[in-house]
Amino acid sequence: MSHTVVVVAADHAQLAHACELAVSAGGPPVIVLAGTRDTLAEIGGAPAERIVFVERASDVPVEALAGDVAAAVADLHPALVLAPDRSADRILLGACAAALDAPMITGVDTIAVADGHPVITRVLCGGIATEDLTGDGALALLVDGGAALPPGEGVPVQEVPANPLGLTLSSESPAPHDHVELGSAAKVVAIGRGLRSGADMALVEDLAGALGAEVACSRPLAEGLDWLPRDRYIGVSGQDVAPGLYLALGISGQLQHTCGMRGSDTVVVVNTDESAPFFAECDYGIVGDLYAVVPALTRALTGATT
């Protein structure tokens, strides 16, 4: 059985964790990139054996290169193919799974090797359970891609011709809000129903700015109240994050939310309810009104005196 591990990338550099998992499964991976030369330069310092590059023209969406990526991956006869859990990457991984006649496994958390076979641990039910799967044959794995790869150069590049499917990018328009990759954020300030009004978001944004953090929320603030975009909420049907610092403001800490941030290194909770479930999971807890605590924290961080 082949021991080659492949990481598929859809024109972005958020592959650090995917590459770490690949190394744990058998050594430096081969990265198959469907993208531009700018992205190729960004991943030039990857911990990879080599990069197989399928160049994407400016008027071609990544999905149109799914057949080319699948053919390139099939030629490598891999044991494992990993892709980040993003929309375009899922399309590429699905094409690879079909080409390899391989099962596609979602929610992958860790990869180990036992007796020459990969052992895949994946998360179930929003983080309240896990299961181990032992592979026999090629496997296609959807994983957390992680942060951007560090810059560098020196990884050998093998270019393969692109023969895109009949799909052309006819126009682009900006989204009504700035999209954020919360999964790669080093610090996150998350706000919940303890915030009484959407107009009070400025309190949270000021604190996040002082910390150099991204702003996130619990589900009700994004679906229902619409105080923040839907790509900002953390939880079982939202984003998964694992920052160095997770500051939760006015969030009770129900499972639907906490399953999306359990990988955080340091968790700080501010809540008026001393019985809030989040206090049982945090590293530091402040029982208090966020309307008093948040401005005090912001002043302390910025050195303001008023």
Protein backbone atom coordinates (compact mmCIF):
# COMPACT_ATOMS: atom_id res chain seq x y z
CA MET A 1 0.00 0.00 0.00
CA SER A 2 1.21 3.50 -0.84
CA HIS A 3 2.35 5.73 2.01
CA THR A 4 2.06 8.96 0.03
CA VAL A 5 0.01 11.68 1.70
CA VAL A 6 -1.47 14.50 -0.39
CA VAL A 7 -2.85 17.88 0.69
CA VAL A 8 -5.20 19.50 -1.82
CA ALA A 9 -5.41 23.29 -1.84
CA ALA A 10 -7.94 25.51 -3.62
CA ASP A 11 -6.01 28.74 -4.22
CA HIS A 12 -5.26 29.74 -0.61
CA ALA A 13 -2.44 29.30 1.89
CA GLN A 14 -4.44 28.27 5.01
CA LEU A 15 -2.78 24.87 5.15
CA ALA A 16 -0.56 24.85 8.24
CA HIS A 17 -2.68 22.44 10.27
CA ALA A 18 -3.47 20.25 7.27
CA CYS A 19 0.27 19.86 6.64
CA GLU A 20 0.87 19.05 10.33
CA LEU A 21 -1.74 16.29 10.15
CA ALA A 22 -0.18 14.99 6.93
CA VAL A 23 3.25 14.80 8.58
CA SER A 24 1.77 12.89 11.52
CA ALA A 25 0.30 10.42 9.05
CA GLY A 26 3.48 9.57 7.20
CA GLY A 27 5.85 12.42 6.48
CA PRO A 28 5.99 15.57 4.37
CA PRO A 29 3.02 15.61 1.99
CA VAL A 30 2.74 16.40 -1.67
CA ILE A 31 0.63 19.55 -2.04
CA VAL A 32 -1.60 19.71 -5.11
CA LEU A 33 -2.47 23.37 -5.62
CA ALA A 34 -5.14 24.63 -7.99
CA GLY A 35 -4.43 28.33 -7.93
CA THR A 36 -2.53 31.37 -9.10
CA ARG A 37 1.19 31.97 -9.07
CA ASP A 38 0.71 34.40 -6.21
CA THR A 39 -0.66 31.59 -4.05
CA LEU A 40 2.11 29.29 -5.24
CA ALA A 41 4.64 31.84 -3.94
CA GLU A 42 2.80 32.07 -0.60
CA ILE A 43 3.14 28.33 0.09
CA GLY A 44 6.73 28.07 -1.10
CA GLY A 45 7.91 27.44 2.47
CA ALA A 46 5.53 24.57 3.11
CA PRO A 47 6.76 21.46 4.98
CA ALA A 48 6.15 19.46 1.81
CA GLU A 49 7.97 17.00 -0.40
CA ARG A 50 6.92 19.00 -3.46
CA ILE A 51 4.09 21.08 -4.89
CA VAL A 52 2.11 19.91 -7.90
CA PHE A 53 0.80 23.10 -9.46
CA VAL A 54 -2.31 23.41 -11.63
CA GLU A 55 -2.41 27.04 -12.70
CA ARG A 56 -5.75 28.83 -12.47
CA ALA A 57 -6.45 31.59 -14.99
CA SER A 58 -8.12 34.73 -13.65
CA ASP A 59 -11.43 33.95 -15.37
CA VAL A 60 -11.57 30.32 -14.22
CA PRO A 61 -13.10 29.35 -10.87
CA VAL A 62 -11.21 26.77 -8.84
CA GLU A 63 -14.08 24.28 -9.16
CA ALA A 64 -13.48 24.08 -12.93
CA LEU A 65 -10.09 22.50 -12.18
CA ALA A 66 -11.54 19.62 -10.15
CA GLY A 67 -10.89 17.11 -12.93
CA ASP A 68 -7.27 18.21 -13.33
CA VAL A 69 -6.66 18.04 -9.58
CA ALA A 70 -8.26 14.61 -9.32
CA ALA A 71 -6.12 13.28 -12.18
CA ALA A 72 -2.94 14.69 -10.62
CA VAL A 73 -3.80 13.15 -7.26
CA ALA A 74 -4.68 9.78 -8.81
CA ASP A 75 -1.27 9.67 -10.50
CA LEU A 76 0.34 9.88 -7.04
CA HIS A 77 -1.52 6.75 -5.79
CA PRO A 78 -1.85 8.23 -2.30
CA ALA A 79 -2.91 6.51 0.89
CA LEU A 80 -4.48 9.70 2.21
CA VAL A 81 -5.76 12.90 0.60
CA LEU A 82 -6.43 15.83 2.93
CA ALA A 83 -8.29 19.05 2.17
CA PRO A 84 -9.38 21.98 4.33
CA ASP A 85 -13.07 22.19 5.16
CA ARG A 86 -13.86 25.08 2.82
CA SER A 87 -16.37 25.20 -0.02
CA ALA A 88 -14.01 25.00 -3.02
CA ASP A 89 -11.70 22.53 -1.27
CA ARG A 90 -14.65 20.22 -0.61
CA ILE A 91 -15.38 20.16 -4.34
CA LEU A 92 -11.77 19.25 -5.14
CA LEU A 93 -11.65 16.56 -2.46
CA GLY A 94 -14.91 15.05 -3.69
CA ALA A 95 -13.47 14.76 -7.19
CA CYS A 96 -10.32 13.13 -5.77
CA ALA A 97 -12.38 10.67 -3.73
CA ALA A 98 -14.33 9.67 -6.84
CA ALA A 99 -11.15 9.23 -8.88
CA LEU A 100 -9.58 7.04 -6.17
CA ASP A 101 -12.80 5.17 -5.31
CA ALA A 102 -12.12 6.32 -1.75
CA PRO A 103 -14.50 7.10 1.11
CA MET A 104 -14.71 10.76 2.12
CA ILE A 105 -14.50 11.33 5.87
CA THR A 106 -15.54 14.61 7.49
CA GLY A 107 -14.81 16.10 10.91
CA VAL A 108 -11.28 14.70 11.08
CA ASP A 109 -9.45 15.74 14.26
CA THR A 110 -6.26 13.65 14.39
CA ILE A 111 -4.42 11.08 12.29
CA ALA A 112 -2.12 8.39 13.64
CA VAL A 113 -0.54 5.25 12.24
CA ALA A 114 -0.86 1.83 13.89
CA ASP A 115 0.49 -1.40 12.39
CA GLY A 116 1.02 0.36 9.10
CA HIS A 117 -2.57 1.58 8.81
CA PRO A 118 -3.94 5.09 9.37
CA VAL A 119 -6.18 5.59 12.39
CA ILE A 120 -8.52 8.53 11.92
CA THR A 121 -10.18 10.21 14.90
CA ARG A 122 -13.11 12.36 14.02
CA VAL A 123 -15.49 14.52 16.01
CA LEU A 124 -19.18 13.66 16.17
CA CYS A 125 -22.36 15.33 17.42
CA GLY A 126 -20.89 18.78 17.62
CA GLY A 127 -17.94 17.79 19.74
CA ILE A 128 -19.55 15.64 22.45
CA ALA A 129 -18.17 12.38 21.05
CA THR A 130 -15.37 11.04 18.87
CA GLU A 131 -14.84 7.85 16.92
CA ASP A 132 -11.76 6.10 15.56
CA LEU A 133 -11.66 4.69 12.04
CA THR A 134 -8.93 2.40 10.73
CA GLY A 135 -8.22 2.75 7.04
CA ASP A 136 -7.52 0.04 4.50
CA GLY A 137 -7.04 1.64 1.10
CA ALA A 138 -7.10 5.24 0.00
CA LEU A 139 -9.02 7.73 2.17
CA ALA A 140 -10.18 11.29 1.48
CA LEU A 141 -10.20 13.41 4.66
CA LEU A 142 -11.79 16.80 5.30
CA VAL A 143 -9.77 18.60 7.98
CA ASP A 144 -9.23 21.97 9.62
CA GLY A 145 -6.78 23.71 7.31
CA GLY A 146 -5.49 26.03 10.02
CA ALA A 147 -3.49 29.20 9.60
CA ALA A 148 -1.56 30.37 6.57
CA LEU A 149 1.75 28.67 5.88
CA PRO A 150 4.85 30.69 6.76
CA PRO A 151 6.54 32.40 3.81
CA GLY A 152 9.60 30.81 2.30
CA GLU A 153 10.93 29.06 -0.76
CA GLY A 154 12.75 25.98 -1.85
CA VAL A 155 9.98 23.40 -2.20
CA PRO A 156 10.26 21.75 -5.64
CA VAL A 157 7.39 22.60 -7.98
CA GLN A 158 5.98 20.29 -10.64
CA GLU A 159 3.63 22.02 -13.07
CA VAL A 160 0.84 20.11 -14.78
CA PRO A 161 -1.33 21.50 -17.60
CA ALA A 162 -4.78 22.81 -16.80
CA ASN A 163 -7.76 21.67 -18.86
CA PRO A 164 -10.61 23.38 -17.04
CA LEU A 165 -14.21 22.30 -17.33
CA GLY A 166 -16.63 24.60 -19.12
CA LEU A 167 -17.09 27.13 -16.37
CA THR A 168 -16.08 30.79 -16.62
CA LEU A 169 -16.02 33.51 -14.00
CA SER A 170 -18.13 36.27 -15.56
CA SER A 171 -18.21 38.82 -12.74
CA GLU A 172 -17.33 39.45 -9.12
CA SER A 173 -18.86 41.79 -6.56
CA PRO A 174 -17.89 42.49 -2.96
CA ALA A 175 -19.81 40.86 -0.17
CA PRO A 176 -21.96 43.17 1.96
CA HIS A 177 -19.48 42.67 4.81
CA ASP A 178 -15.83 41.79 5.31
CA HIS A 179 -15.39 38.03 5.33
CA VAL A 180 -13.17 36.76 8.12
CA GLU A 181 -11.31 33.47 8.53
CA LEU A 182 -12.01 32.95 12.23
CA GLY A 183 -10.31 29.57 12.15
CA SER A 184 -6.91 31.23 11.75
CA ALA A 185 -7.46 33.99 14.33
CA ALA A 186 -4.94 34.12 17.18
CA LYS A 187 -7.37 35.96 19.48
CA VAL A 188 -11.17 36.00 19.49
CA VAL A 189 -13.62 38.16 21.42
CA ALA A 190 -17.05 36.50 21.31
CA ILE A 191 -20.27 38.21 22.37
CA GLY A 192 -23.59 36.66 23.35
CA ARG A 193 -27.06 37.56 24.51
CA GLY A 194 -25.60 39.52 27.41
CA LEU A 195 -25.33 42.38 24.93
CA ARG A 196 -28.59 44.29 25.18
CA SER A 197 -28.50 46.14 21.86
CA GLY A 198 -26.79 45.93 18.51
CA ALA A 199 -25.82 49.56 18.95
CA ASP A 200 -23.60 48.43 21.84
CA MET A 201 -21.35 46.41 19.53
CA ALA A 202 -18.94 49.35 19.66
CA LEU A 203 -17.98 48.26 23.21
CA VAL A 204 -16.97 44.84 21.93
CA GLU A 205 -15.21 46.18 18.85
CA ASP A 206 -13.17 48.61 20.94
CA LEU A 207 -11.99 45.79 23.19
CA ALA A 208 -11.22 43.54 20.22
CA GLY A 209 -9.24 46.35 18.63
CA ALA A 210 -7.21 46.87 21.79
CA LEU A 211 -6.45 43.14 21.92
CA GLY A 212 -5.81 42.74 18.19
CA ALA A 213 -8.61 40.16 18.14
CA GLU A 214 -11.40 39.14 15.78
CA VAL A 215 -15.01 39.61 16.87
CA ALA A 216 -17.28 36.56 16.96
CA CYS A 217 -20.63 35.73 18.53
CA SER A 218 -23.05 33.07 19.65
CA ARG A 219 -25.67 31.92 17.16
CA PRO A 220 -28.63 34.14 18.20
CA LEU A 221 -26.71 37.32 17.40
CA ALA A 222 -26.07 36.16 13.83
CA GLU A 223 -29.27 34.23 13.12
CA GLY A 224 -32.29 36.09 14.39
CA LEU A 225 -30.90 39.39 15.61
CA ASP A 226 -28.55 39.85 12.62
CA TRP A 227 -26.16 41.97 14.67
CA LEU A 228 -23.19 40.16 13.08
CA PRO A 229 -22.78 38.21 9.82
CA ARG A 230 -23.36 34.48 9.90
CA ASP A 231 -19.69 33.71 9.30
CA ARG A 232 -18.97 35.21 12.72
CA TYR A 233 -20.84 32.81 14.94
CA ILE A 234 -19.15 29.98 16.80
CA GLY A 235 -20.76 26.64 17.48
CA VAL A 236 -22.05 23.32 16.28
CA SER A 237 -23.46 24.69 13.00
CA GLY A 238 -21.10 27.67 12.79
CA GLN A 239 -17.36 28.20 12.93
CA ASP A 240 -14.75 26.13 14.79
CA VAL A 241 -11.90 28.14 16.28
CA ALA A 242 -8.80 27.37 18.31
CA PRO A 243 -7.18 30.72 19.17
CA GLY A 244 -4.55 31.39 21.79
CA LEU A 245 -7.07 33.59 23.62
CA TYR A 246 -10.86 33.23 23.61
CA LEU A 247 -12.73 35.93 25.51
CA ALA A 248 -16.44 35.15 25.93
CA LEU A 249 -18.68 38.06 26.91
CA GLY A 250 -22.24 37.45 28.03
CA ILE A 251 -22.35 33.88 26.70
CA SER A 252 -23.80 31.22 29.00
CA GLY A 253 -21.67 28.40 27.61
CA GLN A 254 -24.18 25.90 26.29
CA LEU A 255 -22.77 22.92 24.39
CA GLN A 256 -24.00 24.26 21.04
CA HIS A 257 -21.51 27.11 21.42
CA THR A 258 -18.61 25.63 23.37
CA CYS A 259 -18.12 22.73 20.97
CA GLY A 260 -16.88 25.30 18.46
CA MET A 261 -14.10 26.73 20.64
CA ARG A 262 -12.83 23.82 22.72
CA GLY A 263 -9.42 23.95 21.05
CA SER A 264 -8.72 27.40 22.51
CA ASP A 265 -5.59 27.69 24.64
CA THR A 266 -6.78 30.26 27.19
CA VAL A 267 -10.46 30.95 27.82
CA VAL A 268 -11.70 34.02 29.71
CA VAL A 269 -15.40 34.38 30.55
CA VAL A 270 -17.35 37.46 31.63
CA ASN A 271 -20.94 36.84 32.76
CA THR A 272 -23.35 38.19 35.38
CA ASP A 273 -24.58 34.68 36.20
CA GLU A 274 -22.10 32.92 38.48
CA SER A 275 -23.84 29.62 37.65
CA ALA A 276 -23.28 29.96 33.89
CA PRO A 277 -21.92 26.65 32.47
CA PHE A 278 -19.03 28.50 30.82
CA PHE A 279 -17.41 29.13 34.23
CA ALA A 280 -16.81 25.38 34.58
CA GLU A 281 -14.75 25.36 31.38
CA CYS A 282 -12.80 28.61 31.48
CA ASP A 283 -9.29 29.38 32.69
CA TYR A 284 -10.30 32.77 34.08
CA GLY A 285 -13.79 33.95 35.00
CA ILE A 286 -15.19 37.35 35.89
CA VAL A 287 -18.64 37.50 37.46
CA GLY A 288 -19.81 40.94 36.43
CA ASP A 289 -21.74 43.09 33.99
CA LEU A 290 -19.97 43.26 30.65
CA TYR A 291 -21.06 46.90 30.40
CA ALA A 292 -18.72 47.64 33.31
CA VAL A 293 -16.05 45.01 32.70
CA VAL A 294 -15.47 45.53 28.96
CA PRO A 295 -14.75 49.29 29.12
CA ALA A 296 -12.44 48.68 32.11
CA LEU A 297 -10.50 46.05 30.18
CA THR A 298 -10.27 48.34 27.14
CA ARG A 299 -8.96 51.21 29.26
CA ALA A 300 -6.39 48.91 30.88
CA LEU A 301 -5.17 47.70 27.51
CA THR A 302 -4.98 51.12 25.88
CA GLY A 303 -3.74 53.04 28.89
CA ALA A 304 -6.73 55.38 28.75
CA THR A 305 -7.62 57.20 31.96
CA THR A 306 -11.28 57.98 31.26
